[in-house]
PDB file of N, CA and C in Angstrom:
ATOM      1  N   UNK A   1     114.429 105.987  77.107  1.00  0.00           N
ATOM      2  CA  UNK A   1     113.553 107.053  77.439  1.00  0.00           C
ATOM      3  C   UNK A   1     112.523 106.519  78.754  1.00  0.00           C
ATOM      4  N   UNK A   2     112.743 107.200  79.781  1.00  0.00           N
ATOM      5  CA  UNK A   2     111.788 106.852  80.927  1.00  0.00           C
ATOM      6  C   UNK A   2     110.518 107.565  80.881  1.00  0.00           C
ATOM      7  N   UNK A   3     109.449 107.053  81.179  1.00  0.00           N
ATOM      8  CA  UNK A   3     108.185 107.539  81.025  1.00  0.00           C
ATOM      9  C   UNK A   3     107.762 107.679  82.453  1.00  0.00           C
ATOM     10  N   UNK A   4     107.046 108.917  82.769  1.00  0.00           N
ATOM     11  CA  UNK A   4     106.500 109.343  84.050  1.00  0.00           C
ATOM     12  C   UNK A   4     105.101 109.592  83.795  1.00  0.00           C
ATOM     13  N   UNK A   5     104.293 109.222  84.781  1.00  0.00           N
ATOM     14  CA  UNK A   5     102.805 109.668  84.880  1.00  0.00           C
ATOM     15  C   UNK A   5     102.915 110.833  85.764  1.00  0.00           C
ATOM     16  N   UNK A   6     102.559 112.072  85.206  1.00  0.00           N
ATOM     17  CA  UNK A   6     102.588 113.185  86.112  1.00  0.00           C
ATOM     18  C   UNK A   6     101.574 114.366  85.827  1.00  0.00           C
ATOM     19  N   UNK A   7     101.382 115.353  86.582  1.00  0.00           N
ATOM     20  CA  UNK A   7     100.384 116.295  86.350  1.00  0.00           C
ATOM     21  C   UNK A   7     101.022 117.450  85.524  1.00  0.00           C
ATOM     22  N   UNK A   8     100.009 117.925  84.580  1.00  0.00           N
ATOM     23  CA  UNK A   8     100.321 119.005  83.673  1.00  0.00           C
ATOM     24  C   UNK A   8      99.369 120.201  84.034  1.00  0.00           C
ATOM     25  N   UNK A   9      99.830 121.300  84.319  1.00  0.00           N
ATOM     26  CA  UNK A   9      98.988 122.490  84.791  1.00  0.00           C
ATOM     27  C   UNK A   9      98.286 123.061  83.561  1.00  0.00           C
ATOM     28  N   UNK A  10      96.944 123.212  83.693  1.00  0.00           N
ATOM     29  CA  UNK A  10      96.173 123.950  82.721  1.00  0.00           C
ATOM     30  C   UNK A  10      95.357 124.791  83.348  1.00  0.00           C
ATOM     31  N   UNK A  11      94.592 125.733  82.691  1.00  0.00           N
ATOM     32  CA  UNK A  11      93.678 126.635  83.395  1.00  0.00           C
ATOM     33  C   UNK A  11      94.163 128.024  83.557  1.00  0.00           C
ATOM     34  N   UNK A  12      93.289 128.988  84.046  1.00  0.00           N
ATOM     35  CA  UNK A  12      93.629 130.320  84.095  1.00  0.00           C
ATOM     36  C   UNK A  12      94.442 130.550  85.425  1.00  0.00           C
ATOM     37  N   UNK A  13      94.924 131.749  85.482  1.00  0.00           N
ATOM     38  CA  UNK A  13      95.774 132.216  86.525  1.00  0.00           C
ATOM     39  C   UNK A  13      94.944 132.053  87.819  1.00  0.00           C
ATOM     40  N   UNK A  14      95.570 131.517  88.710  1.00  0.00           N
ATOM     41  CA  UNK A  14      95.009 131.367  90.134  1.00  0.00           C
ATOM     42  C   UNK A  14      93.864 130.449  90.072  1.00  0.00           C
ATOM     43  N   UNK A  15      93.553 129.704  88.915  1.00  0.00           N
ATOM     44  CA  UNK A  15      92.443 128.684  88.913  1.00  0.00           C
ATOM     45  C   UNK A  15      93.028 127.496  88.114  1.00  0.00           C
ATOM     46  N   UNK A  16      93.934 126.732  88.811  1.00  0.00           N
ATOM     47  CA  UNK A  16      94.491 125.594  88.271  1.00  0.00           C
ATOM     48  C   UNK A  16      93.514 124.309  88.050  1.00  0.00           C
ATOM     49  N   UNK A  17      93.763 123.559  86.989  1.00  0.00           N
ATOM     50  CA  UNK A  17      93.211 122.322  86.845  1.00  0.00           C
ATOM     51  C   UNK A  17      94.483 121.452  86.259  1.00  0.00           C
ATOM     52  N   UNK A  18      94.439 120.279  86.240  1.00  0.00           N
ATOM     53  CA  UNK A  18      95.582 119.541  85.895  1.00  0.00           C
ATOM     54  C   UNK A  18      95.029 118.320  84.921  1.00  0.00           C
ATOM     55  N   UNK A  19      96.001 118.039  84.071  1.00  0.00           N
ATOM     56  CA  UNK A  19      95.834 116.692  83.251  1.00  0.00           C
ATOM     57  C   UNK A  19      96.745 115.740  83.743  1.00  0.00           C
ATOM     58  N   UNK A  20      96.436 114.522  83.913  1.00  0.00           N
ATOM     59  CA  UNK A  20      97.400 113.407  84.326  1.00  0.00           C
ATOM     60  C   UNK A  20      97.812 112.900  82.953  1.00  0.00           C
ATOM     61  N   UNK A  21      99.185 113.087  82.687  1.00  0.00           N
ATOM     62  CA  UNK A  21      99.806 112.702  81.361  1.00  0.00           C
ATOM     63  C   UNK A  21     100.868 111.659  81.535  1.00  0.00           C
ATOM     64  N   UNK A  22     101.087 111.058  80.538  1.00  0.00           N
ATOM     65  CA  UNK A  22     102.330 110.147  80.320  1.00  0.00           C
ATOM     66  C   UNK A  22     103.244 111.006  79.485  1.00  0.00           C
ATOM     67  N   UNK A  23     104.385 111.267  80.122  1.00  0.00           N
ATOM     68  CA  UNK A  23     105.372 112.181  79.361  1.00  0.00           C
ATOM     69  C   UNK A  23     106.695 111.560  79.816  1.00  0.00           C
ATOM     70  N   UNK A  24     107.705 111.909  78.773  1.00  0.00           N
ATOM     71  CA  UNK A  24     109.161 111.643  78.828  1.00  0.00           C
ATOM     72  C   UNK A  24     109.541 112.477  80.202  1.00  0.00           C
ATOM     73  N   UNK A  25     110.369 111.735  81.024  1.00  0.00           N
ATOM     74  CA  UNK A  25     110.738 112.321  82.306  1.00  0.00           C
ATOM     75  C   UNK A  25     111.705 113.596  82.031  1.00  0.00           C
ATOM     76  N   UNK A  26     112.320 113.801  80.761  1.00  0.00           N
ATOM     77  CA  UNK A  26     113.164 115.051  80.598  1.00  0.00           C
ATOM     78  C   UNK A  26     112.360 116.140  80.108  1.00  0.00           C
ATOM     79  N   UNK A  27     111.229 116.052  79.740  1.00  0.00           N
ATOM     80  CA  UNK A  27     110.389 117.132  79.180  1.00  0.00           C
ATOM     81  C   UNK A  27     109.924 117.947  80.306  1.00  0.00           C
ATOM     82  N   UNK A  28     109.696 119.256  79.993  1.00  0.00           N
ATOM     83  CA  UNK A  28     109.057 120.173  80.986  1.00  0.00           C
ATOM     84  C   UNK A  28     107.683 119.872  81.591  1.00  0.00           C
ATOM     85  N   UNK A  29     107.472 120.489  82.655  1.00  0.00           N
ATOM     86  CA  UNK A  29     106.032 120.235  83.343  1.00  0.00           C
ATOM     87  C   UNK A  29     104.949 120.369  82.368  1.00  0.00           C
ATOM     88  N   UNK A  30     104.901 121.465  81.773  1.00  0.00           N
ATOM     89  CA  UNK A  30     103.701 121.857  80.889  1.00  0.00           C
ATOM     90  C   UNK A  30     104.089 121.747  79.399  1.00  0.00           C
ATOM     91  N   UNK A  31     105.252 120.876  79.214  1.00  0.00           N
ATOM     92  CA  UNK A  31     105.530 120.595  77.804  1.00  0.00           C
ATOM     93  C   UNK A  31     105.054 119.596  76.974  1.00  0.00           C
ATOM     94  N   UNK A  32     105.933 118.928  76.240  1.00  0.00           N
ATOM     95  CA  UNK A  32     105.584 117.865  75.428  1.00  0.00           C
ATOM     96  C   UNK A  32     105.002 116.551  76.272  1.00  0.00           C
ATOM     97  N   UNK A  33     104.000 116.021  75.851  1.00  0.00           N
ATOM     98  CA  UNK A  33     103.498 114.689  76.520  1.00  0.00           C
ATOM     99  C   UNK A  33     103.175 113.761  75.389  1.00  0.00           C
ATOM    100  N   UNK A  34     103.202 112.470  75.895  1.00  0.00           N
ATOM    101  CA  UNK A  34     102.672 111.419  74.937  1.00  0.00           C
ATOM    102  C   UNK A  34     101.200 111.139  74.953  1.00  0.00           C
ATOM    103  N   UNK A  35     100.601 111.121  76.015  1.00  0.00           N
ATOM    104  CA  UNK A  35      99.015 110.786  76.176  1.00  0.00           C
ATOM    105  C   UNK A  35      98.381 111.300  77.365  1.00  0.00           C
ATOM    106  N   UNK A  36      97.217 111.694  77.239  1.00  0.00           N
ATOM    107  CA  UNK A  36      96.482 112.181  78.397  1.00  0.00           C
ATOM    108  C   UNK A  36      95.782 110.933  79.016  1.00  0.00           C
ATOM    109  N   UNK A  37      95.939 110.758  80.310  1.00  0.00           N
ATOM    110  CA  UNK A  37      95.456 109.798  80.968  1.00  0.00           C
ATOM    111  C   UNK A  37      94.180 110.013  81.842  1.00  0.00           C
ATOM    112  N   UNK A  38      94.185 111.228  82.314  1.00  0.00           N
ATOM    113  CA  UNK A  38      92.988 111.678  83.056  1.00  0.00           C
ATOM    114  C   UNK A  38      93.120 113.210  83.477  1.00  0.00           C
ATOM    115  N   UNK A  39      92.215 113.541  84.361  1.00  0.00           N
ATOM    116  CA  UNK A  39      92.219 115.100  84.832  1.00  0.00           C
ATOM    117  C   UNK A  39      91.845 115.068  86.252  1.00  0.00           C
ATOM    118  N   UNK A  40      92.361 116.169  86.828  1.00  0.00           N
ATOM    119  CA  UNK A  40      92.277 116.518  88.283  1.00  0.00           C
ATOM    120  C   UNK A  40      91.862 117.838  88.484  1.00  0.00           C
ATOM    121  N   UNK A  41      90.735 118.362  89.033  1.00  0.00           N
ATOM    122  CA  UNK A  41      90.175 119.554  89.386  1.00  0.00           C
ATOM    123  C   UNK A  41      90.254 119.751  90.803  1.00  0.00           C
ATOM    124  N   UNK A  42      91.295 120.363  91.428  1.00  0.00           N
ATOM    125  CA  UNK A  42      91.369 120.507  92.964  1.00  0.00           C
ATOM    126  C   UNK A  42      90.448 121.510  93.527  1.00  0.00           C
ATOM    127  N   UNK A  43      90.073 122.538  92.722  1.00  0.00           N
ATOM    128  CA  UNK A  43      89.346 123.656  93.163  1.00  0.00           C
ATOM    129  C   UNK A  43      87.829 123.340  93.342  1.00  0.00           C
ATOM    130  N   UNK A  44      87.294 122.374  92.662  1.00  0.00           N
ATOM    131  CA  UNK A  44      85.860 122.051  92.906  1.00  0.00           C
ATOM    132  C   UNK A  44      85.731 121.344  94.178  1.00  0.00           C
ATOM    133  N   UNK A  45      84.404 121.531  94.819  1.00  0.00           N
ATOM    134  CA  UNK A  45      84.167 121.013  96.024  1.00  0.00           C
ATOM    135  C   UNK A  45      83.203 119.791  95.913  1.00  0.00           C
ATOM    136  N   UNK A  46      83.421 118.588  96.050  1.00  0.00           N
ATOM    137  CA  UNK A  46      84.779 118.015  96.408  1.00  0.00           C
ATOM    138  C   UNK A  46      85.496 117.952  95.042  1.00  0.00           C
ATOM    139  N   UNK A  47      86.814 117.740  95.185  1.00  0.00           N
ATOM    140  CA  UNK A  47      87.658 117.654  94.021  1.00  0.00           C
ATOM    141  C   UNK A  47      87.369 116.544  93.001  1.00  0.00           C
ATOM    142  N   UNK A  48      87.467 116.848  91.832  1.00  0.00           N
ATOM    143  CA  UNK A  48      87.141 115.785  90.739  1.00  0.00           C
ATOM    144  C   UNK A  48      88.402 115.270  90.174  1.00  0.00           C
ATOM    145  N   UNK A  49      88.320 113.880  90.168  1.00  0.00           N
ATOM    146  CA  UNK A  49      89.378 113.102  89.652  1.00  0.00           C
ATOM    147  C   UNK A  49      88.906 112.203  88.564  1.00  0.00           C
ATOM    148  N   UNK A  50      89.151 112.364  87.240  1.00  0.00           N
ATOM    149  CA  UNK A  50      88.838 111.541  86.220  1.00  0.00           C
ATOM    150  C   UNK A  50      90.060 110.805  85.653  1.00  0.00           C
ATOM    151  N   UNK A  51      89.944 109.485  85.789  1.00  0.00           N
ATOM    152  CA  UNK A  51      91.117 108.643  85.226  1.00  0.00           C
ATOM    153  C   UNK A  51      90.680 107.519  84.244  1.00  0.00           C
ATOM    154  N   UNK A  52      91.210 107.377  83.161  1.00  0.00           N
ATOM    155  CA  UNK A  52      90.994 106.498  82.123  1.00  0.00           C
ATOM    156  C   UNK A  52      91.907 105.228  82.597  1.00  0.00           C
ATOM    157  N   UNK A  53      91.076 104.432  83.363  1.00  0.00           N
ATOM    158  CA  UNK A  53      91.739 103.274  84.041  1.00  0.00           C
ATOM    159  C   UNK A  53      92.631 102.374  82.991  1.00  0.00           C
ATOM    160  N   UNK A  54      91.989 102.064  81.770  1.00  0.00           N
ATOM    161  CA  UNK A  54      92.639 101.197  80.904  1.00  0.00           C
ATOM    162  C   UNK A  54      93.801 101.872  80.390  1.00  0.00           C
ATOM    163  N   UNK A  55      93.948 103.069  80.057  1.00  0.00           N
ATOM    164  CA  UNK A  55      95.199 103.768  79.714  1.00  0.00           C
ATOM    165  C   UNK A  55      96.276 103.812  80.819  1.00  0.00           C
ATOM    166  N   UNK A  56      95.819 104.279  81.998  1.00  0.00           N
ATOM    167  CA  UNK A  56      96.674 104.107  83.143  1.00  0.00           C
ATOM    168  C   UNK A  56      97.236 102.799  83.498  1.00  0.00           C
ATOM    169  N   UNK A  57      96.365 101.732  83.347  1.00  0.00           N
ATOM    170  CA  UNK A  57      97.057 100.445  83.615  1.00  0.00           C
ATOM    171  C   UNK A  57      97.884 100.062  82.613  1.00  0.00           C
ATOM    172  N   UNK A  58      97.723 100.403  81.322  1.00  0.00           N
ATOM    173  CA  UNK A  58      98.508 100.107  80.235  1.00  0.00           C
ATOM    174  C   UNK A  58      99.877 100.730  80.557  1.00  0.00           C
ATOM    175  N   UNK A  59      99.943 101.966  80.915  1.00  0.00           N
ATOM    176  CA  UNK A  59     101.301 102.779  81.119  1.00  0.00           C
ATOM    177  C   UNK A  59     101.925 102.171  82.220  1.00  0.00           C
ATOM    178  N   UNK A  60     101.226 101.945  83.256  1.00  0.00           N
ATOM    179  CA  UNK A  60     101.787 101.234  84.476  1.00  0.00           C
ATOM    180  C   UNK A  60     102.550  99.869  84.174  1.00  0.00           C
ATOM    181  N   UNK A  61     101.823  99.052  83.458  1.00  0.00           N
ATOM    182  CA  UNK A  61     102.329  97.701  83.037  1.00  0.00           C
ATOM    183  C   UNK A  61     103.512  97.923  82.138  1.00  0.00           C
ATOM    184  N   UNK A  62     103.681  99.000  81.410  1.00  0.00           N
ATOM    185  CA  UNK A  62     104.780  99.139  80.543  1.00  0.00           C
ATOM    186  C   UNK A  62     105.897  99.610  81.180  1.00  0.00           C
ATOM    187  N   UNK A  63     105.767 100.090  82.562  1.00  0.00           N
ATOM    188  CA  UNK A  63     106.955 100.476  83.393  1.00  0.00           C
ATOM    189  C   UNK A  63     106.886 102.025  83.659  1.00  0.00           C
ATOM    190  N   UNK A  64     105.864 102.725  83.387  1.00  0.00           N
ATOM    191  CA  UNK A  64     105.895 104.102  83.494  1.00  0.00           C
ATOM    192  C   UNK A  64     105.765 104.427  85.052  1.00  0.00           C
ATOM    193  N   UNK A  65     106.453 105.332  85.638  1.00  0.00           N
ATOM    194  CA  UNK A  65     106.572 105.509  87.062  1.00  0.00           C
ATOM    195  C   UNK A  65     105.678 106.801  87.404  1.00  0.00           C
ATOM    196  N   UNK A  66     104.712 106.676  88.099  1.00  0.00           N
ATOM    197  CA  UNK A  66     103.875 107.761  88.582  1.00  0.00           C
ATOM    198  C   UNK A  66     104.591 108.577  89.672  1.00  0.00           C
ATOM    199  N   UNK A  67     104.398 109.992  89.564  1.00  0.00           N
ATOM    200  CA  UNK A  67     104.920 110.721  90.641  1.00  0.00           C
ATOM    201  C   UNK A  67     103.992 110.420  91.850  1.00  0.00           C
ATOM    202  N   UNK A  68     104.514 111.102  93.063  1.00  0.00           N
ATOM    203  CA  UNK A  68     103.985 110.898  94.205  1.00  0.00           C
ATOM    204  C   UNK A  68     102.446 111.301  94.242  1.00  0.00           C
ATOM    205  N   UNK A  69     102.112 112.416  93.740  1.00  0.00           N
ATOM    206  CA  UNK A  69     100.702 112.948  93.610  1.00  0.00           C
ATOM    207  C   UNK A  69      99.940 112.200  92.792  1.00  0.00           C
ATOM    208  N   UNK A  70     100.452 111.888  91.658  1.00  0.00           N
ATOM    209  CA  UNK A  70      99.563 110.985  90.712  1.00  0.00           C
ATOM    210  C   UNK A  70      99.320 109.662  91.433  1.00  0.00           C
ATOM    211  N   UNK A  71     100.283 109.131  92.118  1.00  0.00           N
ATOM    212  CA  UNK A  71     100.098 107.780  92.763  1.00  0.00           C
ATOM    213  C   UNK A  71      98.958 107.950  93.826  1.00  0.00           C
ATOM    214  N   UNK A  72      98.914 108.976  94.525  1.00  0.00           N
ATOM    215  CA  UNK A  72      97.922 109.170  95.369  1.00  0.00           C
ATOM    216  C   UNK A  72      96.437 109.315  94.779  1.00  0.00           C
ATOM    217  N   UNK A  73      96.499 109.979  93.736  1.00  0.00           N
ATOM    218  CA  UNK A  73      95.284 110.260  92.786  1.00  0.00           C
ATOM    219  C   UNK A  73      94.685 108.794  92.320  1.00  0.00           C
ATOM    220  N   UNK A  74      95.696 108.017  92.006  1.00  0.00           N
ATOM    221  CA  UNK A  74      95.463 106.627  91.468  1.00  0.00           C
ATOM    222  C   UNK A  74      94.813 105.819  92.636  1.00  0.00           C
ATOM    223  N   UNK A  75      95.319 106.119  93.910  1.00  0.00           N
ATOM    224  CA  UNK A  75      94.868 105.393  95.005  1.00  0.00           C
ATOM    225  C   UNK A  75      93.300 105.666  95.330  1.00  0.00           C
ATOM    226  N   UNK A  76      93.214 106.964  95.198  1.00  0.00           N
ATOM    227  CA  UNK A  76      91.856 107.473  95.517  1.00  0.00           C
ATOM    228  C   UNK A  76      90.824 107.028  94.570  1.00  0.00           C
ATOM    229  N   UNK A  77      91.315 107.067  93.255  1.00  0.00           N
ATOM    230  CA  UNK A  77      90.312 106.613  92.125  1.00  0.00           C
ATOM    231  C   UNK A  77      90.114 105.030  92.081  1.00  0.00           C
ATOM    232  N   UNK A  78      91.284 104.381  92.635  1.00  0.00           N
ATOM    233  CA  UNK A  78      91.007 102.835  92.646  1.00  0.00           C
ATOM    234  C   UNK A  78      91.945 102.127  91.592  1.00  0.00           C
ATOM    235  N   UNK A  79      92.576 102.774  90.687  1.00  0.00           N
ATOM    236  CA  UNK A  79      93.369 102.377  89.639  1.00  0.00           C
ATOM    237  C   UNK A  79      94.613 101.773  90.342  1.00  0.00           C
ATOM    238  N   UNK A  80      95.208 102.364  91.429  1.00  0.00           N
ATOM    239  CA  UNK A  80      96.464 101.800  92.065  1.00  0.00           C
ATOM    240  C   UNK A  80      96.321 100.326  92.575  1.00  0.00           C
ATOM    241  N   UNK A  81      95.088 100.186  93.257  1.00  0.00           N
ATOM    242  CA  UNK A  81      94.802  98.944  93.838  1.00  0.00           C
ATOM    243  C   UNK A  81      94.488  97.876  92.849  1.00  0.00           C
ATOM    244  N   UNK A  82      93.868  98.264  91.720  1.00  0.00           N
ATOM    245  CA  UNK A  82      93.698  97.382  90.406  1.00  0.00           C
ATOM    246  C   UNK A  82      95.092  96.973  89.793  1.00  0.00           C
ATOM    247  N   UNK A  83      96.001  97.994  89.803  1.00  0.00           N
ATOM    248  CA  UNK A  83      97.321  97.741  89.237  1.00  0.00           C
ATOM    249  C   UNK A  83      98.023  96.691  90.195  1.00  0.00           C
ATOM    250  N   UNK A  84      97.954  96.948  91.427  1.00  0.00           N
ATOM    251  CA  UNK A  84      98.758  96.024  92.487  1.00  0.00           C
ATOM    252  C   UNK A  84      98.132  94.620  92.420  1.00  0.00           C
ATOM    253  N   UNK A  85      96.840  94.420  92.194  1.00  0.00           N
ATOM    254  CA  UNK A  85      96.416  93.114  92.240  1.00  0.00           C
ATOM    255  C   UNK A  85      96.684  92.369  90.880  1.00  0.00           C
ATOM    256  N   UNK A  86      96.753  93.192  89.827  1.00  0.00           N
ATOM    257  CA  UNK A  86      97.277  92.544  88.591  1.00  0.00           C
ATOM    258  C   UNK A  86      98.677  92.222  88.461  1.00  0.00           C
ATOM    259  N   UNK A  87      99.436  92.921  89.301  1.00  0.00           N
ATOM    260  CA  UNK A  87     101.024  92.570  89.240  1.00  0.00           C
ATOM    261  C   UNK A  87     101.407  91.120  89.692  1.00  0.00           C
ATOM    262  N   UNK A  88     102.249  90.617  88.923  1.00  0.00           N
ATOM    263  CA  UNK A  88     102.624  89.235  89.237  1.00  0.00           C
ATOM    264  C   UNK A  88     103.529  89.307  90.510  1.00  0.00           C
ATOM    265  N   UNK A  89     103.389  88.361  91.286  1.00  0.00           N
ATOM    266  CA  UNK A  89     104.163  88.262  92.552  1.00  0.00           C
ATOM    267  C   UNK A  89     105.643  87.646  92.043  1.00  0.00           C
ATOM    268  N   UNK A  90     106.712  88.457  92.393  1.00  0.00           N
ATOM    269  CA  UNK A  90     108.000  87.973  92.092  1.00  0.00           C
ATOM    270  C   UNK A  90     108.324  86.957  93.196  1.00  0.00           C
ATOM    271  N   UNK A  91     109.088  85.892  92.766  1.00  0.00           N
ATOM    272  CA  UNK A  91     109.520  84.930  93.734  1.00  0.00           C
ATOM    273  C   UNK A  91     110.993  85.288  94.070  1.00  0.00           C
ATOM    274  N   UNK A  92     111.246  85.459  95.276  1.00  0.00           N
ATOM    275  CA  UNK A  92     112.546  85.867  95.675  1.00  0.00           C
ATOM    276  C   UNK A  92     113.407  84.586  96.115  1.00  0.00           C
ATOM    277  N   UNK A  93     114.462  84.443  95.473  1.00  0.00           N
ATOM    278  CA  UNK A  93     115.292  83.315  95.873  1.00  0.00           C
ATOM    279  C   UNK A  93     116.198  83.622  96.985  1.00  0.00           C
ATOM    280  N   UNK A  94     116.215  83.089  98.185  1.00  0.00           N
ATOM    281  CA  UNK A  94     117.085  83.338  99.260  1.00  0.00           C
ATOM    282  C   UNK A  94     118.353  82.529  99.316  1.00  0.00           C
ATOM    283  N   UNK A  95     119.516  83.115  99.334  1.00  0.00           N
ATOM    284  CA  UNK A  95     120.586  82.393  99.402  1.00  0.00           C
ATOM    285  C   UNK A  95     121.048  82.207 100.723  1.00  0.00           C
ATOM    286  N   UNK A  96     121.377  81.018 101.250  1.00  0.00           N
ATOM    287  CA  UNK A  96     121.877  80.635 102.470  1.00  0.00           C
ATOM    288  C   UNK A  96     123.409  80.310 102.404  1.00  0.00           C
ATOM    289  N   UNK A  97     123.987  80.597 103.560  1.00  0.00           N
ATOM    290  CA  UNK A  97     125.389  80.105 103.578  1.00  0.00           C
ATOM    291  C   UNK A  97     125.453  78.628 103.907  1.00  0.00           C
ATOM    292  N   UNK A  98     126.445  78.018 103.614  1.00  0.00           N
ATOM    293  CA  UNK A  98     126.533  76.551 103.977  1.00  0.00           C
ATOM    294  C   UNK A  98     126.868  76.473 105.452  1.00  0.00           C
ATOM    295  N   UNK A  99     126.550  75.468 106.014  1.00  0.00           N
ATOM    296  CA  UNK A  99     126.828  75.162 107.530  1.00  0.00           C
ATOM    297  C   UNK A  99     128.255  75.155 107.763  1.00  0.00           C
ATOM    298  N   UNK A 100     128.865  75.784 108.790  1.00  0.00           N
ATOM    299  CA  UNK A 100     130.159  75.645 109.186  1.00  0.00           C
ATOM    300  C   UNK A 100     130.427  74.609 110.279  1.00  0.00           C
ATOM    301  N   UNK A 101     129.458  73.817 110.615  1.00  0.00           N
ATOM    302  CA  UNK A 101     129.720  72.709 111.479  1.00  0.00           C
ATOM    303  C   UNK A 101     130.776  71.764 111.296  1.00  0.00           C
ATOM    304  N   UNK A 102     130.887  71.466 109.970  1.00  0.00           N
ATOM    305  CA  UNK A 102     131.821  70.536 109.526  1.00  0.00           C
ATOM    306  C   UNK A 102     133.348  71.152 109.677  1.00  0.00           C
ATOM    307  N   UNK A 103     133.469  72.369 109.452  1.00  0.00           N
ATOM    308  CA  UNK A 103     134.891  73.042 109.490  1.00  0.00           C
ATOM    309  C   UNK A 103     135.008  73.884 110.837  1.00  0.00           C
ATOM    310  N   UNK A 104     135.448  73.116 111.759  1.00  0.00           N
ATOM    311  CA  UNK A 104     135.563  73.669 113.113  1.00  0.00           C
ATOM    312  C   UNK A 104     136.963  74.387 113.264  1.00  0.00           C
ATOM    313  N   UNK A 105     136.914  75.737 113.666  1.00  0.00           N
ATOM    314  CA  UNK A 105     138.274  76.384 113.793  1.00  0.00           C
ATOM    315  C   UNK A 105     138.771  76.063 115.018  1.00  0.00           C
ATOM    316  N   UNK A 106     140.068  76.245 115.217  1.00  0.00           N
ATOM    317  CA  UNK A 106     140.861  75.852 116.419  1.00  0.00           C
ATOM    318  C   UNK A 106     140.324  76.759 117.714  1.00  0.00           C
ATOM    319  N   UNK A 107     140.273  76.197 118.707  1.00  0.00           N
ATOM    320  CA  UNK A 107     139.709  76.754 119.987  1.00  0.00           C
ATOM    321  C   UNK A 107     140.543  78.042 120.391  1.00  0.00           C
ATOM    322  N   UNK A 108     141.839  78.012 120.087  1.00  0.00           N
ATOM    323  CA  UNK A 108     142.723  79.166 120.461  1.00  0.00           C
ATOM    324  C   UNK A 108     142.377  80.396 119.677  1.00  0.00           C
ATOM    325  N   UNK A 109     141.930  80.273 118.455  1.00  0.00           N
ATOM    326  CA  UNK A 109     141.647  81.439 117.602  1.00  0.00           C
ATOM    327  C   UNK A 109     140.328  82.095 118.079  1.00  0.00           C
ATOM    328  N   UNK A 110     139.528  81.499 118.761  1.00  0.00           N
ATOM    329  CA  UNK A 110     138.100  82.112 119.280  1.00  0.00           C
ATOM    330  C   UNK A 110     138.398  82.844 120.618  1.00  0.00           C
ATOM    331  N   UNK A 111     139.379  82.520 121.317  1.00  0.00           N
ATOM    332  CA  UNK A 111     139.509  83.113 122.545  1.00  0.00           C
ATOM    333  C   UNK A 111     140.394  84.518 122.414  1.00  0.00           C
ATOM    334  N   UNK A 112     140.169  85.484 123.314  1.00  0.00           N
ATOM    335  CA  UNK A 112     140.884  86.699 123.220  1.00  0.00           C
ATOM    336  C   UNK A 112     142.223  86.441 123.903  1.00  0.00           C
ATOM    337  N   UNK A 113     143.238  87.192 123.428  1.00  0.00           N
ATOM    338  CA  UNK A 113     144.606  87.058 124.302  1.00  0.00           C
ATOM    339  C   UNK A 113     144.416  87.682 125.562  1.00  0.00           C
ATOM    340  N   UNK A 114     145.145  87.179 126.553  1.00  0.00           N
ATOM    341  CA  UNK A 114     144.944  87.539 127.954  1.00  0.00           C
ATOM    342  C   UNK A 114     145.143  89.064 128.169  1.00  0.00           C
ATOM    343  N   UNK A 115     146.010  89.718 127.499  1.00  0.00           N
ATOM    344  CA  UNK A 115     146.234  91.130 127.700  1.00  0.00           C
ATOM    345  C   UNK A 115     144.946  92.036 127.231  1.00  0.00           C
ATOM    346  N   UNK A 116     144.447  91.636 126.086  1.00  0.00           N
ATOM    347  CA  UNK A 116     143.287  92.274 125.657  1.00  0.00           C
ATOM    348  C   UNK A 116     142.088  92.075 126.512  1.00  0.00           C
ATOM    349  N   UNK A 117     141.895  90.976 127.010  1.00  0.00           N
ATOM    350  CA  UNK A 117     140.704  90.630 128.070  1.00  0.00           C
ATOM    351  C   UNK A 117     140.941  91.489 129.264  1.00  0.00           C
ATOM    352  N   UNK A 118     142.155  91.498 129.893  1.00  0.00           N
ATOM    353  CA  UNK A 118     142.384  92.301 130.989  1.00  0.00           C
ATOM    354  C   UNK A 118     142.195  93.786 130.897  1.00  0.00           C
ATOM    355  N   UNK A 119     142.541  94.247 129.695  1.00  0.00           N
ATOM    356  CA  UNK A 119     142.483  95.639 129.395  1.00  0.00           C
ATOM    357  C   UNK A 119     141.128  95.996 129.278  1.00  0.00           C
ATOM    358  N   UNK A 120     140.163  95.179 128.550  1.00  0.00           N
ATOM    359  CA  UNK A 120     138.758  95.560 128.344  1.00  0.00           C
ATOM    360  C   UNK A 120     138.107  95.465 129.692  1.00  0.00           C
ATOM    361  N   UNK A 121     138.515  94.450 130.605  1.00  0.00           N
ATOM    362  CA  UNK A 121     137.813  94.250 131.811  1.00  0.00           C
ATOM    363  C   UNK A 121     137.982  95.502 132.730  1.00  0.00           C
ATOM    364  N   UNK A 122     139.293  96.006 132.728  1.00  0.00           N
ATOM    365  CA  UNK A 122     139.629  97.087 133.557  1.00  0.00           C
ATOM    366  C   UNK A 122     138.944  98.386 133.079  1.00  0.00           C
ATOM    367  N   UNK A 123     138.811  98.582 131.766  1.00  0.00           N
ATOM    368  CA  UNK A 123     138.141  99.690 131.240  1.00  0.00           C
ATOM    369  C   UNK A 123     136.526  99.724 131.460  1.00  0.00           C
ATOM    370  N   UNK A 124     135.935  98.471 131.523  1.00  0.00           N
ATOM    371  CA  UNK A 124     134.595  98.373 131.908  1.00  0.00           C
ATOM    372  C   UNK A 124     134.455  98.716 133.547  1.00  0.00           C
ATOM    373  N   UNK A 125     135.300  98.451 134.209  1.00  0.00           N
ATOM    374  CA  UNK A 125     135.183  98.883 135.654  1.00  0.00           C
ATOM    375  C   UNK A 125     135.308 100.210 136.010  1.00  0.00           C
ATOM    376  N   UNK A 126     135.981 100.960 135.196  1.00  0.00           N
ATOM    377  CA  UNK A 126     136.136 102.485 135.415  1.00  0.00           C
ATOM    378  C   UNK A 126     134.813 103.191 135.451  1.00  0.00           C
ATOM    379  N   UNK A 127     133.905 102.842 134.527  1.00  0.00           N
ATOM    380  CA  UNK A 127     132.623 103.333 134.210  1.00  0.00           C
ATOM    381  C   UNK A 127     131.963 104.196 135.284  1.00  0.00           C
TER     382      UNK A 127
END
């Protein structure tokens, strides 16, 4: 079961307000949810964003994926920056190829055959 942090529409017709909820990714937009994480009221001036940061950080640390809009709301409220600072830095191991200096290929294999070299030179001159 993959969990998403997303918006759930509530409110009257033409007067939307949203809940930020943790929900199963397969459930419908306004359907079943696991937990309410916050609210968003876009019609008020300025827009009101209320986020329970402890709940949001708990869901993010468990691997819940925020939608693009919720991630922007988290950035505005400061929760996303807090999450990024607490995330552990992963160490990436870079694999390098062994040096080929010891295994020299024959010089003849590196050169182009004379017919191919002449053909490409004449094609370049036509330009």
